[in-house]
Amino acid sequence: MRQITGVVLFSRALPAVHCLPVRPRAKWPQLAALFAAGKLKEKEKKMKSILRFVVLAGLVVALGALRAAAQAPSGLVLNVPFTFSVEHEQLPAGEYRIQTMPGGRLLIRSTDGKAYTTVLTVPVRGKAPESDGKVVFNRYAGKYFLAQVWTPGMEIGRETFKSKSELELARQQRKQEIALLPKSPSGR
């Protein structure tokens, strides 16, 4: 070291710094000693149990996805003999497929594909599960509004929100409920 007017200077370079620790390579005699001591077998057993756990967790996730797919949108098909409103949409008379979607939405689509809409709904509880399902419309002065959809076998149905025009008519007119039953699965 040299000292120049109160400043200390180092004459040696600093050692190189490694980012990752360097481990010495295992040698075959060390592996043989581990194997003989039974420690290598313990590690193999531990790895096998971890692998079994990962495979089992993967199977559980896959079965859950299959179950969710089986419960995916359920619905019904019915013939609506009148023009009706859903929120702000007017749909013509005809045959419709109504499906419940995730997030409390209903997909209402004519079977010919010419008319469709989606609508946000809220759950409504019934007295007993609907065996065949039903669709309920509110009627005010000859105008029909979709009110509720009951999927077959469910205790909980879906109820639509009333539009401004329906609320206005409800203040002026007496409500009449019309229930339509869906077509049977055999198409009768």
C-alpha atoms as a PDB file:
ATOM      1  CA  MET A   1       0.000   0.000   0.000  1.00  0.00           C
ATOM      2  CA  ARG A   2       1.121   3.462  -0.728  1.00  0.00           C
ATOM      3  CA  GLN A   3      -0.032   6.576   1.012  1.00  0.00           C
ATOM      4  CA  ILE A   4      -0.151   9.829  -0.842  1.00  0.00           C
ATOM      5  CA  THR A   5      -1.246  12.866   1.116  1.00  0.00           C
ATOM      6  CA  GLY A   6      -3.762  11.060   3.277  1.00  0.00           C
ATOM      7  CA  VAL A   7      -5.277   8.888   0.498  1.00  0.00           C
ATOM      8  CA  VAL A   8      -4.751   5.171   0.616  1.00  0.00           C
ATOM      9  CA  LEU A   9      -4.331   3.432  -2.761  1.00  0.00           C
ATOM     10  CA  PHE A  10      -4.508  -0.303  -3.262  1.00  0.00           C
ATOM     11  CA  SER A  11      -2.056  -1.826  -5.645  1.00  0.00           C
ATOM     12  CA  ARG A  12      -3.901  -5.122  -6.011  1.00  0.00           C
ATOM     13  CA  ALA A  13      -7.015  -5.727  -8.135  1.00  0.00           C
ATOM     14  CA  LEU A  14     -10.170  -6.920  -6.395  1.00  0.00           C
ATOM     15  CA  PRO A  15     -11.024 -10.597  -6.790  1.00  0.00           C
ATOM     16  CA  ALA A  16     -13.643 -11.603  -9.377  1.00  0.00           C
ATOM     17  CA  VAL A  17     -17.159 -12.079  -7.986  1.00  0.00           C
ATOM     18  CA  HIS A  18     -19.251 -15.011  -9.220  1.00  0.00           C
ATOM     19  CA  CYS A  19     -23.005 -14.537  -9.512  1.00  0.00           C
ATOM     20  CA  LEU A  20     -23.792 -18.192  -8.906  1.00  0.00           C
ATOM     21  CA  PRO A  21     -22.116 -20.366  -6.309  1.00  0.00           C
ATOM     22  CA  VAL A  22     -19.864 -22.972  -7.814  1.00  0.00           C
ATOM     23  CA  ARG A  23     -20.398 -26.464  -6.460  1.00  0.00           C
ATOM     24  CA  PRO A  24     -17.836 -29.148  -6.939  1.00  0.00           C
ATOM     25  CA  ARG A  25     -18.952 -31.994  -9.156  1.00  0.00           C
ATOM     26  CA  ALA A  26     -20.020 -35.179  -7.473  1.00  0.00           C
ATOM     27  CA  LYS A  27     -17.616 -37.958  -8.085  1.00  0.00           C
ATOM     28  CA  TRP A  28     -18.580 -41.550  -8.719  1.00  0.00           C
ATOM     29  CA  PRO A  29     -17.068 -42.747  -5.463  1.00  0.00           C
ATOM     30  CA  GLN A  30     -19.229 -40.231  -3.562  1.00  0.00           C
ATOM     31  CA  LEU A  31     -22.369 -41.453  -5.358  1.00  0.00           C
ATOM     32  CA  ALA A  32     -21.441 -45.054  -4.595  1.00  0.00           C
ATOM     33  CA  ALA A  33     -21.018 -44.130  -0.924  1.00  0.00           C
ATOM     34  CA  LEU A  34     -24.446 -42.426  -0.884  1.00  0.00           C
ATOM     35  CA  PHE A  35     -26.015 -45.475  -2.524  1.00  0.00           C
ATOM     36  CA  ALA A  36     -24.363 -47.820  -0.060  1.00  0.00           C
ATOM     37  CA  ALA A  37     -25.560 -45.676   2.874  1.00  0.00           C
ATOM     38  CA  GLY A  38     -29.157 -45.834   1.560  1.00  0.00           C
ATOM     39  CA  LYS A  39     -29.448 -42.047   1.209  1.00  0.00           C
ATOM     40  CA  LEU A  40     -29.838 -42.229  -2.564  1.00  0.00           C
ATOM     41  CA  LYS A  41     -32.831 -44.580  -2.170  1.00  0.00           C
ATOM     42  CA  GLU A  42     -34.453 -42.080   0.252  1.00  0.00           C
ATOM     43  CA  LYS A  43     -34.101 -39.327  -2.345  1.00  0.00           C
ATOM     44  CA  GLU A  44     -35.584 -41.572  -5.032  1.00  0.00           C
ATOM     45  CA  LYS A  45     -38.573 -42.378  -2.796  1.00  0.00           C
ATOM     46  CA  LYS A  46     -39.106 -38.699  -2.074  1.00  0.00           C
ATOM     47  CA  MET A  47     -39.008 -37.819  -5.790  1.00  0.00           C
ATOM     48  CA  LYS A  48     -41.455 -40.630  -6.602  1.00  0.00           C
ATOM     49  CA  SER A  49     -43.907 -39.407  -3.948  1.00  0.00           C
ATOM     50  CA  ILE A  50     -43.669 -35.848  -5.317  1.00  0.00           C
ATOM     51  CA  LEU A  51     -44.282 -37.160  -8.846  1.00  0.00           C
ATOM     52  CA  ARG A  52     -47.329 -39.141  -7.656  1.00  0.00           C
ATOM     53  CA  PHE A  53     -48.714 -36.013  -5.981  1.00  0.00           C
ATOM     54  CA  VAL A  54     -48.267 -33.912  -9.148  1.00  0.00           C
ATOM     55  CA  VAL A  55     -49.954 -36.573 -11.318  1.00  0.00           C
ATOM     56  CA  LEU A  56     -52.851 -36.922  -8.857  1.00  0.00           C
ATOM     57  CA  ALA A  57     -53.309 -33.124  -8.715  1.00  0.00           C
ATOM     58  CA  GLY A  58     -53.354 -33.028 -12.531  1.00  0.00           C
ATOM     59  CA  LEU A  59     -56.062 -35.700 -12.628  1.00  0.00           C
ATOM     60  CA  VAL A  60     -58.182 -33.791 -10.110  1.00  0.00           C
ATOM     61  CA  VAL A  61     -57.909 -30.617 -12.207  1.00  0.00           C
ATOM     62  CA  ALA A  62     -58.770 -32.511 -15.415  1.00  0.00           C
ATOM     63  CA  LEU A  63     -61.821 -34.167 -13.819  1.00  0.00           C
ATOM     64  CA  GLY A  64     -62.960 -30.791 -12.493  1.00  0.00           C
ATOM     65  CA  ALA A  65     -62.741 -29.331 -15.990  1.00  0.00           C
ATOM     66  CA  LEU A  66     -64.774 -32.233 -17.402  1.00  0.00           C
ATOM     67  CA  ARG A  67     -67.409 -31.774 -14.714  1.00  0.00           C
ATOM     68  CA  ALA A  68     -67.627 -28.040 -15.457  1.00  0.00           C
ATOM     69  CA  ALA A  69     -67.997 -28.799 -19.163  1.00  0.00           C
ATOM     70  CA  ALA A  70     -70.815 -31.238 -18.406  1.00  0.00           C
ATOM     71  CA  GLN A  71     -72.608 -28.528 -16.415  1.00  0.00           C
ATOM     72  CA  ALA A  72     -72.002 -25.889 -19.051  1.00  0.00           C
ATOM     73  CA  PRO A  73     -74.879 -23.977 -20.515  1.00  0.00           C
ATOM     74  CA  SER A  74     -78.136 -25.797 -19.951  1.00  0.00           C
ATOM     75  CA  GLY A  75     -81.244 -24.713 -21.727  1.00  0.00           C
ATOM     76  CA  LEU A  76     -84.591 -25.409 -23.249  1.00  0.00           C
ATOM     77  CA  VAL A  77     -86.396 -25.018 -26.566  1.00  0.00           C
ATOM     78  CA  LEU A  78     -89.901 -23.541 -26.793  1.00  0.00           C
ATOM     79  CA  ASN A  79     -92.315 -22.136 -29.333  1.00  0.00           C
ATOM     80  CA  VAL A  80     -93.349 -18.554 -28.535  1.00  0.00           C
ATOM     81  CA  PRO A  81     -96.589 -17.710 -30.405  1.00  0.00           C
ATOM     82  CA  PHE A  82     -96.289 -13.933 -29.905  1.00  0.00           C
ATOM     83  CA  THR A  83     -93.809 -11.076 -30.286  1.00  0.00           C
ATOM     84  CA  PHE A  84     -92.113 -10.318 -26.971  1.00  0.00           C
ATOM     85  CA  SER A  85     -89.617  -7.924 -25.403  1.00  0.00           C
ATOM     86  CA  VAL A  86     -86.475  -8.694 -23.449  1.00  0.00           C
ATOM     87  CA  GLU A  87     -84.963  -5.608 -21.827  1.00  0.00           C
ATOM     88  CA  HIS A  88     -84.772  -3.243 -24.838  1.00  0.00           C
ATOM     89  CA  GLU A  89     -84.957  -5.899 -27.580  1.00  0.00           C
ATOM     90  CA  GLN A  90     -88.129  -6.881 -29.433  1.00  0.00           C
ATOM     91  CA  LEU A  91     -88.106 -10.501 -30.657  1.00  0.00           C
ATOM     92  CA  PRO A  92     -90.602 -11.936 -33.172  1.00  0.00           C
ATOM     93  CA  ALA A  93     -92.793 -14.976 -32.565  1.00  0.00           C
ATOM     94  CA  GLY A  94     -91.084 -18.283 -33.283  1.00  0.00           C
ATOM     95  CA  GLU A  95     -89.120 -21.165 -31.868  1.00  0.00           C
ATOM     96  CA  TYR A  96     -86.366 -20.176 -29.420  1.00  0.00           C
ATOM     97  CA  ARG A  97     -83.538 -21.889 -27.560  1.00  0.00           C
ATOM     98  CA  ILE A  98     -82.866 -20.302 -24.162  1.00  0.00           C
ATOM     99  CA  GLN A  99     -79.598 -21.178 -22.436  1.00  0.00           C
ATOM    100  CA  THR A 100     -78.311 -20.173 -19.022  1.00  0.00           C
ATOM    101  CA  MET A 101     -74.751 -18.896 -19.253  1.00  0.00           C
ATOM    102  CA  PRO A 102     -72.092 -18.293 -16.588  1.00  0.00           C
ATOM    103  CA  GLY A 103     -72.357 -14.985 -14.792  1.00  0.00           C
ATOM    104  CA  GLY A 104     -76.156 -14.965 -14.587  1.00  0.00           C
ATOM    105  CA  ARG A 105     -76.803 -14.291 -18.270  1.00  0.00           C
ATOM    106  CA  LEU A 106     -79.375 -15.848 -20.576  1.00  0.00           C
ATOM    107  CA  LEU A 107     -78.731 -16.460 -24.256  1.00  0.00           C
ATOM    108  CA  ILE A 108     -82.001 -16.283 -26.196  1.00  0.00           C
ATOM    109  CA  ARG A 109     -81.671 -17.412 -29.796  1.00  0.00           C
ATOM    110  CA  SER A 110     -84.220 -18.308 -32.449  1.00  0.00           C
ATOM    111  CA  THR A 111     -83.664 -21.786 -33.844  1.00  0.00           C
ATOM    112  CA  ASP A 112     -83.485 -20.345 -37.377  1.00  0.00           C
ATOM    113  CA  GLY A 113     -80.671 -18.024 -36.218  1.00  0.00           C
ATOM    114  CA  LYS A 114     -82.374 -14.795 -37.304  1.00  0.00           C
ATOM    115  CA  ALA A 115     -82.964 -13.334 -33.825  1.00  0.00           C
ATOM    116  CA  TYR A 116     -80.856 -13.506 -30.676  1.00  0.00           C
ATOM    117  CA  THR A 117     -79.980 -11.530 -27.581  1.00  0.00           C
ATOM    118  CA  THR A 118     -78.289 -11.945 -24.223  1.00  0.00           C
ATOM    119  CA  VAL A 119     -79.747 -10.585 -21.024  1.00  0.00           C
ATOM    120  CA  LEU A 120     -78.495 -10.210 -17.460  1.00  0.00           C
ATOM    121  CA  THR A 121     -80.684 -11.945 -14.855  1.00  0.00           C
ATOM    122  CA  VAL A 122     -80.953 -12.498 -11.124  1.00  0.00           C
ATOM    123  CA  PRO A 123     -81.684 -15.807  -9.376  1.00  0.00           C
ATOM    124  CA  VAL A 124     -85.220 -16.493  -8.146  1.00  0.00           C
ATOM    125  CA  ARG A 125     -86.117 -19.414  -5.871  1.00  0.00           C
ATOM    126  CA  GLY A 126     -89.110 -21.629  -6.522  1.00  0.00           C
ATOM    127  CA  LYS A 127     -91.194 -23.838  -4.256  1.00  0.00           C
ATOM    128  CA  ALA A 128     -90.106 -27.088  -5.904  1.00  0.00           C
ATOM    129  CA  PRO A 129     -87.841 -28.075  -8.795  1.00  0.00           C
ATOM    130  CA  GLU A 130     -89.427 -27.643 -12.199  1.00  0.00           C
ATOM    131  CA  SER A 131     -89.635 -31.086 -13.797  1.00  0.00           C
ATOM    132  CA  ASP A 132     -90.001 -29.857 -17.390  1.00  0.00           C
ATOM    133  CA  GLY A 133     -89.003 -26.230 -16.974  1.00  0.00           C
ATOM    134  CA  LYS A 134     -91.064 -23.225 -17.989  1.00  0.00           C
ATOM    135  CA  VAL A 135     -90.755 -19.690 -19.303  1.00  0.00           C
ATOM    136  CA  VAL A 136     -92.913 -16.958 -17.772  1.00  0.00           C
ATOM    137  CA  PHE A 137     -93.980 -13.809 -19.626  1.00  0.00           C
ATOM    138  CA  ASN A 138     -95.687 -10.736 -18.181  1.00  0.00           C
ATOM    139  CA  ARG A 139     -98.512  -9.352 -20.326  1.00  0.00           C
ATOM    140  CA  TYR A 140     -99.690  -5.733 -20.185  1.00  0.00           C
ATOM    141  CA  ALA A 141    -102.296  -4.486 -22.701  1.00  0.00           C
ATOM    142  CA  GLY A 142    -101.327  -7.058 -25.336  1.00  0.00           C
ATOM    143  CA  LYS A 143     -97.545  -6.564 -24.966  1.00  0.00           C
ATOM    144  CA  TYR A 144     -95.427  -9.464 -23.717  1.00  0.00           C
ATOM    145  CA  PHE A 145     -92.221  -9.209 -21.672  1.00  0.00           C
ATOM    146  CA  LEU A 146     -89.933 -12.107 -20.743  1.00  0.00           C
ATOM    147  CA  ALA A 147     -89.974 -12.373 -16.932  1.00  0.00           C
ATOM    148  CA  GLN A 148     -88.538 -15.720 -15.763  1.00  0.00           C
ATOM    149  CA  VAL A 149     -86.836 -18.831 -17.102  1.00  0.00           C
ATOM    150  CA  TRP A 150     -86.942 -22.120 -15.197  1.00  0.00           C
ATOM    151  CA  THR A 151     -84.548 -24.821 -16.391  1.00  0.00           C
ATOM    152  CA  PRO A 152     -85.751 -28.452 -15.998  1.00  0.00           C
ATOM    153  CA  GLY A 153     -84.843 -30.029 -12.648  1.00  0.00           C
ATOM    154  CA  MET A 154     -83.704 -26.788 -10.986  1.00  0.00           C
ATOM    155  CA  GLU A 155     -85.127 -25.110  -7.863  1.00  0.00           C
ATOM    156  CA  ILE A 156     -83.594 -21.791  -8.844  1.00  0.00           C
ATOM    157  CA  GLY A 157     -84.766 -19.960 -11.938  1.00  0.00           C
ATOM    158  CA  ARG A 158     -83.555 -16.758 -13.615  1.00  0.00           C
ATOM    159  CA  GLU A 159     -85.521 -13.503 -13.549  1.00  0.00           C
ATOM    160  CA  THR A 160     -84.946 -10.648 -16.008  1.00  0.00           C
ATOM    161  CA  PHE A 161     -84.832  -6.972 -15.103  1.00  0.00           C
ATOM    162  CA  LYS A 162     -87.834  -4.896 -16.118  1.00  0.00           C
ATOM    163  CA  SER A 163     -87.316  -2.320 -18.868  1.00  0.00           C
ATOM    164  CA  LYS A 164     -88.557   1.264 -18.585  1.00  0.00           C
ATOM    165  CA  SER A 165     -91.457   0.556 -20.939  1.00  0.00           C
ATOM    166  CA  GLU A 166     -92.529  -2.482 -18.869  1.00  0.00           C
ATOM    167  CA  LEU A 167     -92.352  -0.466 -15.627  1.00  0.00           C
ATOM    168  CA  GLU A 168     -94.454   2.271 -17.203  1.00  0.00           C
ATOM    169  CA  LEU A 169     -97.078  -0.219 -18.416  1.00  0.00           C
ATOM    170  CA  ALA A 170     -97.049  -1.959 -15.013  1.00  0.00           C
ATOM    171  CA  ARG A 171     -98.080   1.323 -13.349  1.00  0.00           C
ATOM    172  CA  GLN A 172    -100.984   1.735 -15.777  1.00  0.00           C
ATOM    173  CA  GLN A 173    -102.162  -1.833 -16.433  1.00  0.00           C
ATOM    174  CA  ARG A 174    -102.819  -4.995 -14.464  1.00  0.00           C
ATOM    175  CA  LYS A 175    -100.214  -7.717 -15.022  1.00  0.00           C
ATOM    176  CA  GLN A 176    -101.167 -11.100 -16.422  1.00  0.00           C
ATOM    177  CA  GLU A 177     -98.599 -13.929 -16.219  1.00  0.00           C
ATOM    178  CA  ILE A 178     -98.327 -16.351 -19.126  1.00  0.00           C
ATOM    179  CA  ALA A 179     -96.266 -19.549 -18.666  1.00  0.00           C
ATOM    180  CA  LEU A 180     -95.031 -21.543 -21.665  1.00  0.00           C
ATOM    181  CA  LEU A 181     -93.697 -25.065 -21.361  1.00  0.00           C
ATOM    182  CA  PRO A 182     -90.668 -26.080 -23.423  1.00  0.00           C
ATOM    183  CA  LYS A 183     -90.712 -28.790 -26.062  1.00  0.00           C
ATOM    184  CA  SER A 184     -89.991 -32.249 -24.723  1.00  0.00           C
ATOM    185  CA  PRO A 185     -86.545 -33.695 -25.491  1.00  0.00           C
ATOM    186  CA  SER A 186     -88.130 -36.050 -28.023  1.00  0.00           C
ATOM    187  CA  GLY A 187     -89.438 -33.027 -29.972  1.00  0.00           C
ATOM    188  CA  ARG A 188     -93.160 -33.611 -29.309  1.00  0.00           C
END
